[in-house]
PDB file of all heavy atoms in Angstrom:
ATOM      1  N   ASN A   1    -151.809  77.580-203.292  1.00  0.00           N
ATOM      2  CA  ASN A   1    -151.598  78.931-202.570  1.00  0.00           C
ATOM      3  C   ASN A   1    -152.548  80.019-203.013  1.00  0.00           C
ATOM      4  O   ASN A   1    -152.426  81.062-202.486  1.00  0.00           O
ATOM      5  CB  ASN A   1    -150.058  79.392-202.847  1.00  0.00           C
ATOM      6  CG  ASN A   1    -149.061  78.323-202.272  1.00  0.00           C
ATOM      7  OD1 ASN A   1    -149.301  77.717-201.156  1.00  0.00           O
ATOM      8  ND2 ASN A   1    -148.001  78.256-203.010  1.00  0.00           N
ATOM      9  N   LEU A   2    -153.536  79.644-203.937  1.00  0.00           N
ATOM     10  CA  LEU A   2    -154.406  80.626-204.277  1.00  0.00           C
ATOM     11  C   LEU A   2    -155.434  80.915-203.345  1.00  0.00           C
ATOM     12  O   LEU A   2    -155.872  80.020-202.591  1.00  0.00           O
ATOM     13  CB  LEU A   2    -155.007  80.337-205.597  1.00  0.00           C
ATOM     14  CG  LEU A   2    -154.225  80.324-206.940  1.00  0.00           C
ATOM     15  CD1 LEU A   2    -155.029  79.816-208.039  1.00  0.00           C
ATOM     16  CD2 LEU A   2    -153.561  81.549-207.109  1.00  0.00           C
ATOM     17  N   VAL A   3    -155.951  82.111-203.322  1.00  0.00           N
ATOM     18  CA  VAL A   3    -157.156  82.523-202.656  1.00  0.00           C
ATOM     19  C   VAL A   3    -158.351  82.710-203.624  1.00  0.00           C
ATOM     20  O   VAL A   3    -158.244  83.647-204.371  1.00  0.00           O
ATOM     21  CB  VAL A   3    -157.042  83.798-201.855  1.00  0.00           C
ATOM     22  CG1 VAL A   3    -158.249  84.290-201.279  1.00  0.00           C
ATOM     23  CG2 VAL A   3    -155.922  83.609-200.779  1.00  0.00           C
ATOM     24  N   THR A   4    -159.263  81.890-203.629  1.00  0.00           N
ATOM     25  CA  THR A   4    -160.458  81.821-204.477  1.00  0.00           C
ATOM     26  C   THR A   4    -161.658  81.864-203.748  1.00  0.00           C
ATOM     27  O   THR A   4    -161.773  81.551-202.575  1.00  0.00           O
ATOM     28  CB  THR A   4    -160.424  80.650-205.458  1.00  0.00           C
ATOM     29  OG1 THR A   4    -160.465  79.382-204.581  1.00  0.00           O
ATOM     30  CG2 THR A   4    -159.176  80.636-206.232  1.00  0.00           C
ATOM     31  N   LEU A   5    -162.729  82.295-204.371  1.00  0.00           N
ATOM     32  CA  LEU A   5    -164.096  82.443-203.704  1.00  0.00           C
ATOM     33  C   LEU A   5    -165.127  81.888-204.569  1.00  0.00           C
ATOM     34  O   LEU A   5    -165.271  81.798-205.784  1.00  0.00           O
ATOM     35  CB  LEU A   5    -164.389  83.959-203.407  1.00  0.00           C
ATOM     36  CG  LEU A   5    -163.445  84.631-202.576  1.00  0.00           C
ATOM     37  CD1 LEU A   5    -163.811  86.135-202.476  1.00  0.00           C
ATOM     38  CD2 LEU A   5    -163.662  84.147-201.099  1.00  0.00           C
ATOM     39  N   ASN A   6    -166.115  81.181-203.890  1.00  0.00           N
ATOM     40  CA  ASN A   6    -167.339  80.598-204.450  1.00  0.00           C
ATOM     41  C   ASN A   6    -168.325  81.677-204.916  1.00  0.00           C
ATOM     42  O   ASN A   6    -168.780  82.367-204.075  1.00  0.00           O
ATOM     43  CB  ASN A   6    -167.908  79.463-203.568  1.00  0.00           C
ATOM     44  CG  ASN A   6    -168.941  78.698-204.275  1.00  0.00           C
ATOM     45  OD1 ASN A   6    -169.479  79.068-205.332  1.00  0.00           O
ATOM     46  ND2 ASN A   6    -169.419  77.585-203.530  1.00  0.00           N
ATOM     47  N   ALA A   7    -168.678  81.650-206.155  1.00  0.00           N
ATOM     48  CA  ALA A   7    -169.623  82.643-206.618  1.00  0.00           C
ATOM     49  C   ALA A   7    -170.943  82.485-205.995  1.00  0.00           C
ATOM     50  O   ALA A   7    -171.776  83.451-206.013  1.00  0.00           O
ATOM     51  CB  ALA A   7    -169.733  82.591-208.176  1.00  0.00           C
ATOM     52  N   ASP A   8    -171.390  81.336-205.535  1.00  0.00           N
ATOM     53  CA  ASP A   8    -172.707  81.023-204.874  1.00  0.00           C
ATOM     54  C   ASP A   8    -172.847  81.552-203.556  1.00  0.00           C
ATOM     55  O   ASP A   8    -173.927  81.430-202.822  1.00  0.00           O
ATOM     56  CB  ASP A   8    -172.977  79.484-204.987  1.00  0.00           C
ATOM     57  CG  ASP A   8    -173.030  79.113-206.527  1.00  0.00           C
ATOM     58  OD1 ASP A   8    -173.540  79.885-207.219  1.00  0.00           O
ATOM     59  OD2 ASP A   8    -172.694  77.958-206.719  1.00  0.00           O
ATOM     60  N   LEU A   9    -171.672  82.042-202.817  1.00  0.00           N
ATOM     61  CA  LEU A   9    -171.782  82.442-201.514  1.00  0.00           C
ATOM     62  C   LEU A   9    -172.643  83.789-201.554  1.00  0.00           C
ATOM     63  O   LEU A   9    -172.789  84.504-202.573  1.00  0.00           O
ATOM     64  CB  LEU A   9    -170.335  82.822-200.920  1.00  0.00           C
ATOM     65  CG  LEU A   9    -169.506  81.572-200.611  1.00  0.00           C
ATOM     66  CD1 LEU A   9    -168.095  82.194-200.228  1.00  0.00           C
ATOM     67  CD2 LEU A   9    -170.109  80.787-199.556  1.00  0.00           C
ATOM     68  N   GLU A  10    -173.053  84.168-200.413  1.00  0.00           N
ATOM     69  CA  GLU A  10    -173.848  85.413-200.267  1.00  0.00           C
ATOM     70  C   GLU A  10    -172.837  86.626-200.518  1.00  0.00           C
ATOM     71  O   GLU A  10    -171.602  86.565-200.208  1.00  0.00           O
ATOM     72  CB  GLU A  10    -174.222  85.613-198.893  1.00  0.00           C
ATOM     73  CG  GLU A  10    -175.411  84.579-198.538  1.00  0.00           C
ATOM     74  CD  GLU A  10    -176.086  84.785-197.215  1.00  0.00           C
ATOM     75  OE1 GLU A  10    -175.759  85.849-196.555  1.00  0.00           O
ATOM     76  OE2 GLU A  10    -176.902  83.949-196.700  1.00  0.00           O
ATOM     77  N   PRO A  11    -173.301  87.674-201.230  1.00  0.00           N
ATOM     78  CA  PRO A  11    -172.501  88.778-201.543  1.00  0.00           C
ATOM     79  C   PRO A  11    -171.746  89.318-200.396  1.00  0.00           C
ATOM     80  O   PRO A  11    -170.536  89.749-200.475  1.00  0.00           O
ATOM     81  CB  PRO A  11    -173.334  89.766-202.320  1.00  0.00           C
ATOM     82  CG  PRO A  11    -174.467  88.808-202.887  1.00  0.00           C
ATOM     83  CD  PRO A  11    -174.715  87.726-201.987  1.00  0.00           C
ATOM     84  N   PHE A  12    -172.474  89.450-199.297  1.00  0.00           N
ATOM     85  CA  PHE A  12    -171.889  89.961-197.963  1.00  0.00           C
ATOM     86  C   PHE A  12    -170.605  89.073-197.621  1.00  0.00           C
ATOM     87  O   PHE A  12    -169.596  89.668-197.256  1.00  0.00           O
ATOM     88  CB  PHE A  12    -172.866  90.054-196.899  1.00  0.00           C
ATOM     89  CG  PHE A  12    -172.330  90.465-195.631  1.00  0.00           C
ATOM     90  CD1 PHE A  12    -172.193  91.916-195.492  1.00  0.00           C
ATOM     91  CD2 PHE A  12    -172.024  89.623-194.552  1.00  0.00           C
ATOM     92  CE1 PHE A  12    -171.702  92.346-194.289  1.00  0.00           C
ATOM     93  CE2 PHE A  12    -171.515  90.062-193.456  1.00  0.00           C
ATOM     94  CZ  PHE A  12    -171.322  91.443-193.246  1.00  0.00           C
ATOM     95  N   LYS A  13    -170.626  87.829-197.717  1.00  0.00           N
ATOM     96  CA  LYS A  13    -169.541  86.910-197.278  1.00  0.00           C
ATOM     97  C   LYS A  13    -168.436  87.283-198.209  1.00  0.00           C
ATOM     98  O   LYS A  13    -167.250  87.216-197.844  1.00  0.00           O
ATOM     99  CB  LYS A  13    -170.031  85.556-197.176  1.00  0.00           C
ATOM    100  CG  LYS A  13    -171.002  85.204-195.979  1.00  0.00           C
ATOM    101  CD  LYS A  13    -171.235  83.791-195.887  1.00  0.00           C
ATOM    102  CE  LYS A  13    -172.177  83.465-194.705  1.00  0.00           C
ATOM    103  NZ  LYS A  13    -172.512  81.974-194.621  1.00  0.00           N
ATOM    104  N   ILE A  14    -168.824  87.222-199.491  1.00  0.00           N
ATOM    105  CA  ILE A  14    -167.712  87.444-200.502  1.00  0.00           C
ATOM    106  C   ILE A  14    -167.007  88.721-200.297  1.00  0.00           C
ATOM    107  O   ILE A  14    -165.713  88.885-200.299  1.00  0.00           O
ATOM    108  CB  ILE A  14    -168.299  87.365-201.987  1.00  0.00           C
ATOM    109  CG1 ILE A  14    -168.751  86.000-202.159  1.00  0.00           C
ATOM    110  CG2 ILE A  14    -167.195  87.815-203.025  1.00  0.00           C
ATOM    111  CD1 ILE A  14    -169.591  85.791-203.505  1.00  0.00           C
ATOM    112  N   ILE A  15    -167.868  89.872-200.046  1.00  0.00           N
ATOM    113  CA  ILE A  15    -167.166  91.079-199.825  1.00  0.00           C
ATOM    114  C   ILE A  15    -166.370  91.174-198.655  1.00  0.00           C
ATOM    115  O   ILE A  15    -165.186  91.727-198.598  1.00  0.00           O
ATOM    116  CB  ILE A  15    -168.296  92.256-199.778  1.00  0.00           C
ATOM    117  CG1 ILE A  15    -169.007  92.431-201.110  1.00  0.00           C
ATOM    118  CG2 ILE A  15    -167.708  93.679-199.329  1.00  0.00           C
ATOM    119  CD1 ILE A  15    -170.270  93.081-201.196  1.00  0.00           C
ATOM    120  N   SER A  16    -166.740  90.470-197.529  1.00  0.00           N
ATOM    121  CA  SER A  16    -165.938  90.396-196.283  1.00  0.00           C
ATOM    122  C   SER A  16    -164.655  89.574-196.503  1.00  0.00           C
ATOM    123  O   SER A  16    -163.611  90.120-196.005  1.00  0.00           O
ATOM    124  CB  SER A  16    -166.756  89.660-195.193  1.00  0.00           C
ATOM    125  OG  SER A  16    -167.957  90.261-194.883  1.00  0.00           O
ATOM    126  N   GLU A  17    -164.667  88.618-197.429  1.00  0.00           N
ATOM    127  CA  GLU A  17    -163.382  87.985-197.729  1.00  0.00           C
ATOM    128  C   GLU A  17    -162.445  88.791-198.493  1.00  0.00           C
ATOM    129  O   GLU A  17    -161.300  88.829-198.229  1.00  0.00           O
ATOM    130  CB  GLU A  17    -163.781  86.645-198.498  1.00  0.00           C
ATOM    131  CG  GLU A  17    -164.494  85.572-197.751  1.00  0.00           C
ATOM    132  CD  GLU A  17    -163.602  84.953-196.739  1.00  0.00           C
ATOM    133  OE1 GLU A  17    -162.322  84.984-196.784  1.00  0.00           O
ATOM    134  OE2 GLU A  17    -164.096  84.288-195.900  1.00  0.00           O
ATOM    135  N   ILE A  18    -163.060  89.532-199.463  1.00  0.00           N
ATOM    136  CA  ILE A  18    -162.223  90.420-200.243  1.00  0.00           C
ATOM    137  C   ILE A  18    -161.624  91.518-199.315  1.00  0.00           C
ATOM    138  O   ILE A  18    -160.359  91.783-199.565  1.00  0.00           O
ATOM    139  CB  ILE A  18    -163.053  91.029-201.368  1.00  0.00           C
ATOM    140  CG1 ILE A  18    -163.492  89.932-202.314  1.00  0.00           C
ATOM    141  CG2 ILE A  18    -162.216  92.066-202.076  1.00  0.00           C
ATOM    142  CD1 ILE A  18    -164.491  90.346-203.352  1.00  0.00           C
ATOM    143  N   VAL A  19    -162.359  92.153-198.509  1.00  0.00           N
ATOM    144  CA  VAL A  19    -161.818  93.281-197.585  1.00  0.00           C
ATOM    145  C   VAL A  19    -160.701  92.650-196.668  1.00  0.00           C
ATOM    146  O   VAL A  19    -159.737  93.360-196.460  1.00  0.00           O
ATOM    147  CB  VAL A  19    -163.032  93.832-196.824  1.00  0.00           C
ATOM    148  CG1 VAL A  19    -162.503  94.914-195.751  1.00  0.00           C
ATOM    149  CG2 VAL A  19    -164.003  94.485-197.741  1.00  0.00           C
ATOM    150  N   ASN A  20    -160.888  91.534-196.137  1.00  0.00           N
ATOM    151  CA  ASN A  20    -159.889  91.091-195.304  1.00  0.00           C
ATOM    152  C   ASN A  20    -158.560  90.405-196.037  1.00  0.00           C
ATOM    153  O   ASN A  20    -157.677  89.996-195.336  1.00  0.00           O
ATOM    154  CB  ASN A  20    -160.602  89.952-194.438  1.00  0.00           C
ATOM    155  CG  ASN A  20    -161.567  90.559-193.514  1.00  0.00           C
ATOM    156  OD1 ASN A  20    -161.452  91.734-193.036  1.00  0.00           O
ATOM    157  ND2 ASN A  20    -162.742  89.833-193.138  1.00  0.00           N
ATOM    158  N   SER A  21    -158.719  90.267-197.291  1.00  0.00           N
ATOM    159  CA  SER A  21    -157.634  89.564-198.195  1.00  0.00           C
ATOM    160  C   SER A  21    -156.526  90.719-198.336  1.00  0.00           C
ATOM    161  O   SER A  21    -156.904  91.851-198.554  1.00  0.00           O
ATOM    162  CB  SER A  21    -158.233  88.998-199.274  1.00  0.00           C
ATOM    163  OG  SER A  21    -157.067  88.553-200.159  1.00  0.00           O
ATOM    164  N   GLN A  22    -155.315  90.135-198.511  1.00  0.00           N
ATOM    165  CA  GLN A  22    -154.280  91.024-198.860  1.00  0.00           C
ATOM    166  C   GLN A  22    -154.093  91.202-200.443  1.00  0.00           C
ATOM    167  O   GLN A  22    -153.310  92.078-200.771  1.00  0.00           O
ATOM    168  CB  GLN A  22    -152.886  90.655-198.361  1.00  0.00           C
ATOM    169  CG  GLN A  22    -152.199  89.576-199.072  1.00  0.00           C
ATOM    170  CD  GLN A  22    -152.694  88.198-198.475  1.00  0.00           C
ATOM    171  OE1 GLN A  22    -153.641  88.071-197.790  1.00  0.00           O
ATOM    172  NE2 GLN A  22    -151.929  87.134-198.914  1.00  0.00           N
ATOM    173  N   PHE A  23    -154.952  90.547-201.222  1.00  0.00           N
ATOM    174  CA  PHE A  23    -154.936  90.679-202.541  1.00  0.00           C
ATOM    175  C   PHE A  23    -155.933  91.621-203.192  1.00  0.00           C
ATOM    176  O   PHE A  23    -157.072  91.647-202.624  1.00  0.00           O
ATOM    177  CB  PHE A  23    -155.119  89.178-203.256  1.00  0.00           C
ATOM    178  CG  PHE A  23    -154.112  88.256-202.685  1.00  0.00           C
ATOM    179  CD1 PHE A  23    -154.533  87.190-201.820  1.00  0.00           C
ATOM    180  CD2 PHE A  23    -152.801  88.306-203.202  1.00  0.00           C
ATOM    181  CE1 PHE A  23    -153.692  86.296-201.399  1.00  0.00           C
ATOM    182  CE2 PHE A  23    -151.876  87.408-202.651  1.00  0.00           C
ATOM    183  CZ  PHE A  23    -152.354  86.330-201.791  1.00  0.00           C
ATOM    184  N   THR A  24    -155.755  92.251-204.197  1.00  0.00           N
ATOM    185  CA  THR A  24    -156.587  93.120-204.821  1.00  0.00           C
ATOM    186  C   THR A  24    -157.441  92.506-205.867  1.00  0.00           C
ATOM    187  O   THR A  24    -158.459  92.862-206.247  1.00  0.00           O
ATOM    188  CB  THR A  24    -155.959  94.266-205.562  1.00  0.00           C
ATOM    189  OG1 THR A  24    -154.819  93.816-206.561  1.00  0.00           O
ATOM    190  CG2 THR A  24    -155.173  95.140-204.510  1.00  0.00           C
ATOM    191  N   ARG A  25    -157.026  91.243-206.361  1.00  0.00           N
ATOM    192  CA  ARG A  25    -157.777  90.646-207.480  1.00  0.00           C
ATOM    193  C   ARG A  25    -157.863  89.144-207.054  1.00  0.00           C
ATOM    194  O   ARG A  25    -156.947  88.552-206.482  1.00  0.00           O
ATOM    195  CB  ARG A  25    -157.052  90.569-208.766  1.00  0.00           C
ATOM    196  CG  ARG A  25    -156.974  91.968-209.566  1.00  0.00           C
ATOM    197  CD  ARG A  25    -156.087  91.861-210.758  1.00  0.00           C
ATOM    198  NE  ARG A  25    -155.988  93.149-211.523  1.00  0.00           N
ATOM    199  CZ  ARG A  25    -155.123  94.103-211.076  1.00  0.00           C
ATOM    200  NH1 ARG A  25    -154.155  93.834-210.251  1.00  0.00           N
ATOM    201  NH2 ARG A  25    -155.149  95.365-211.851  1.00  0.00           N
TER     202      ARG A  25
END
């Protein structure tokens, strides 16, 4: 049930995922 992100993704994609997520961490 975790939301995790790949560090090798482009920073813009990572930031978009974080902004659209309901989690702060």
